[in-house]
Amino acid sequence: MKTASATLTKTLAVLALGWCALAPVQAQTSTPTSASRIAWISPERIYNESKLAKLAEEKLKEEFKSREKAMNEMAGRLKAASEKLDKDAPSLNEIDRNKRQRDVMDLDKEYQRRQREFREDLSQRTNEERQAISEKATKVIKQLANVEGFDIVLQDAVWASNRIDITDKVLAALDKDK
């Protein structure tokens, strides 16, 4: 009984392996209309290398240039005030030293607050610009998928072959549209 059961299990295993081995051959030899076509894109390359991304980056630099300059000036004032306090502290009386320490701490708090707001605003605007790029890229990808007959276009993968990477085609179409 055990041998019949073991033989049946081995037979089923061999049949399953044979079927799995033949499945790729069958997929390759089937008619082109029944084969699935897969493509992959790199969103990071789209966000970093496209003309739209470069224009958005320049736009954001210009938009935030004055605030960045103000932040740098405030950082300089904070550093100078802190160094002056450290230098003058031994010669100051207790009341003056405490007042200057509070002033430096207040300036530091204000700097930290403005820096946080600056980062949050920049992040929000960067996300808005990326969303606009994403919408245009999605439109281009859909058009490319229809023209080239892709069944699915993936963007998140641990690894993808260069054979199915259509990022360069998407970048070219985006830059041409621009």
Protein backbone atom coordinates (compact mmCIF):
# COMPACT_ATOMS: atom_id res chain seq x y z
CA MET A 1 0.00 0.00 0.00
CA LYS A 2 2.78 2.38 0.90
CA THR A 3 4.54 1.75 -2.39
CA ALA A 4 1.38 2.37 -4.42
CA SER A 5 0.80 5.63 -2.56
CA ALA A 6 4.43 6.66 -2.93
CA THR A 7 4.39 5.74 -6.62
CA LEU A 8 1.21 7.76 -7.19
CA THR A 9 2.71 10.76 -5.39
CA LYS A 10 5.91 10.48 -7.44
CA THR A 11 3.89 10.15 -10.65
CA LEU A 12 1.84 13.23 -9.84
CA ALA A 13 5.00 15.15 -8.98
CA VAL A 14 6.61 14.16 -12.29
CA LEU A 15 3.48 15.17 -14.19
CA ALA A 16 3.36 18.52 -12.39
CA LEU A 17 7.03 19.18 -13.13
CA GLY A 18 6.53 18.21 -16.76
CA TRP A 19 3.56 20.52 -17.08
CA CYS A 20 5.52 23.39 -15.47
CA ALA A 21 8.44 22.75 -17.80
CA LEU A 22 6.20 22.81 -20.88
CA ALA A 23 4.21 25.90 -19.87
CA PRO A 24 6.91 28.42 -20.92
CA VAL A 25 7.42 26.60 -24.22
CA GLN A 26 3.69 26.68 -24.83
CA ALA A 27 3.57 30.41 -24.01
CA GLN A 28 6.43 31.10 -26.42
CA THR A 29 4.97 29.02 -29.25
CA SER A 30 1.41 30.24 -28.90
CA THR A 31 -0.04 32.79 -31.26
CA PRO A 32 1.02 36.42 -30.69
CA THR A 33 -2.52 37.44 -29.79
CA SER A 34 -2.65 35.07 -26.83
CA ALA A 35 0.83 35.90 -25.40
CA SER A 36 0.94 38.45 -22.64
CA ARG A 37 3.28 41.40 -23.00
CA ILE A 38 4.77 43.00 -19.93
CA ALA A 39 6.66 46.28 -19.64
CA TRP A 40 8.33 48.09 -16.78
CA ILE A 41 9.19 51.73 -16.06
CA SER A 42 11.34 53.44 -13.47
CA PRO A 43 9.34 56.26 -11.86
CA GLU A 44 12.47 57.70 -10.23
CA ARG A 45 14.11 58.14 -13.63
CA ILE A 46 10.95 59.87 -14.88
CA TYR A 47 10.99 62.20 -11.85
CA ASN A 48 14.71 62.93 -12.17
CA GLU A 49 15.65 62.78 -15.85
CA SER A 50 12.70 64.15 -17.81
CA LYS A 51 12.65 67.72 -19.09
CA LEU A 52 9.47 68.23 -17.09
CA ALA A 53 11.33 67.24 -13.92
CA LYS A 54 14.21 69.58 -14.68
CA LEU A 55 11.79 72.45 -15.39
CA ALA A 56 9.93 71.72 -12.15
CA GLU A 57 13.21 71.71 -10.23
CA GLU A 58 14.18 75.10 -11.66
CA LYS A 59 10.70 76.44 -10.92
CA LEU A 60 10.93 75.29 -7.29
CA LYS A 61 14.44 76.74 -6.89
CA GLU A 62 13.20 80.10 -8.12
CA GLU A 63 10.05 79.93 -6.01
CA PHE A 64 11.95 79.16 -2.79
CA LYS A 65 15.10 81.19 -3.48
CA SER A 66 14.12 84.17 -1.30
CA ARG A 67 13.01 82.00 1.62
CA GLU A 68 16.20 79.96 1.42
CA LYS A 69 18.25 83.17 1.46
CA ALA A 70 16.31 84.41 4.51
CA MET A 71 16.92 81.07 6.26
CA ASN A 72 20.65 81.28 5.55
CA GLU A 73 20.76 84.83 6.91
CA MET A 74 18.91 83.77 10.05
CA ALA A 75 21.31 80.85 10.51
CA GLY A 76 24.21 83.30 10.25
CA ARG A 77 22.63 85.60 12.85
CA LEU A 78 22.05 82.64 15.17
CA LYS A 79 25.63 81.45 14.79
CA ALA A 80 27.03 84.95 15.38
CA ALA A 81 24.82 85.50 18.46
CA SER A 82 25.79 82.10 19.88
CA GLU A 83 29.52 82.73 19.31
CA LYS A 84 29.25 86.23 20.80
CA LEU A 85 27.48 84.81 23.86
CA ASP A 86 30.18 82.14 24.29
CA LYS A 87 32.91 84.76 23.95
CA ASP A 88 31.27 87.35 26.26
CA ALA A 89 29.75 84.95 28.84
CA PRO A 90 32.66 85.04 31.31
CA SER A 91 32.62 88.83 31.48
CA LEU A 92 28.81 89.26 31.70
CA ASN A 93 26.91 89.54 34.93
CA GLU A 94 24.28 86.88 35.69
CA ILE A 95 21.27 88.96 34.54
CA ASP A 96 22.84 89.97 31.20
CA ARG A 97 24.11 86.44 30.54
CA ASN A 98 20.62 84.95 31.21
CA LYS A 99 18.98 87.58 28.97
CA ARG A 100 21.40 86.87 26.10
CA GLN A 101 20.96 83.11 26.56
CA ARG A 102 17.18 83.54 26.30
CA ASP A 103 17.62 85.71 23.21
CA VAL A 104 19.80 83.06 21.56
CA MET A 105 17.35 80.31 22.55
CA ASP A 106 14.42 82.34 21.17
CA LEU A 107 16.29 82.96 17.93
CA ASP A 108 17.11 79.23 17.73
CA LYS A 109 13.44 78.28 18.28
CA GLU A 110 12.35 80.73 15.58
CA TYR A 111 15.00 79.37 13.22
CA GLN A 112 13.91 75.77 13.87
CA ARG A 113 10.24 76.69 13.30
CA ARG A 114 10.97 78.50 10.04
CA GLN A 115 13.24 75.72 8.87
CA ARG A 116 10.51 73.13 9.54
CA GLU A 117 7.93 75.25 7.69
CA PHE A 118 10.35 75.71 4.81
CA ARG A 119 10.96 71.95 4.51
CA GLU A 120 7.23 71.19 4.74
CA ASP A 121 6.33 73.78 2.09
CA LEU A 122 9.12 72.62 -0.20
CA SER A 123 8.07 69.00 0.24
CA GLN A 124 4.44 69.84 -0.51
CA ARG A 125 5.34 71.79 -3.66
CA THR A 126 7.72 69.04 -4.79
CA ASN A 127 4.92 66.48 -4.38
CA GLU A 128 2.56 68.71 -6.37
CA GLU A 129 5.08 69.00 -9.21
CA ARG A 130 5.71 65.23 -9.13
CA GLN A 131 1.95 64.62 -9.29
CA ALA A 132 1.72 66.76 -12.44
CA ILE A 133 4.63 64.84 -13.99
CA SER A 134 3.02 61.55 -12.95
CA GLU A 135 -0.27 62.46 -14.63
CA LYS A 136 1.48 63.33 -17.90
CA ALA A 137 3.65 60.21 -17.71
CA THR A 138 0.60 58.01 -17.07
CA LYS A 139 -1.06 59.41 -20.18
CA VAL A 140 2.08 58.71 -22.25
CA ILE A 141 2.44 55.21 -20.78
CA LYS A 142 -1.18 54.35 -21.62
CA GLN A 143 -0.70 55.56 -25.20
CA LEU A 144 2.55 53.61 -25.53
CA ALA A 145 0.93 50.49 -24.06
CA ASN A 146 -1.92 50.70 -26.57
CA VAL A 147 0.38 51.27 -29.54
CA GLU A 148 2.87 48.55 -28.61
CA GLY A 149 0.27 46.09 -27.28
CA PHE A 150 1.36 45.76 -23.66
CA ASP A 151 -1.04 43.97 -21.37
CA ILE A 152 0.49 45.43 -18.22
CA VAL A 153 3.07 48.10 -17.35
CA LEU A 154 4.67 47.73 -13.93
CA GLN A 155 6.53 50.36 -11.97
CA ASP A 156 7.47 48.65 -8.72
CA ALA A 157 9.68 45.61 -9.03
CA VAL A 158 12.59 44.19 -7.14
CA TRP A 159 14.29 43.57 -10.48
CA ALA A 160 13.32 43.95 -14.12
CA SER A 161 15.12 42.95 -17.29
CA ASN A 162 16.29 45.70 -19.63
CA ARG A 163 14.33 43.84 -22.29
CA ILE A 164 11.02 44.99 -20.77
CA ASP A 165 12.19 48.43 -19.54
CA ILE A 166 10.35 51.13 -21.50
CA THR A 167 11.53 54.06 -19.37
CA ASP A 168 13.64 55.50 -22.19
CA LYS A 169 10.66 55.43 -24.56
CA VAL A 170 8.46 57.16 -21.95
CA LEU A 171 11.14 59.80 -21.30
CA ALA A 172 11.50 60.44 -25.04
CA ALA A 173 7.73 60.78 -25.47
CA LEU A 174 7.43 63.07 -22.43
CA ASP A 175 10.29 65.27 -23.62
CA LYS A 176 8.81 65.36 -27.13
CA ASP A 177 5.40 66.36 -25.73
CA LYS A 178 7.00 69.12 -23.68
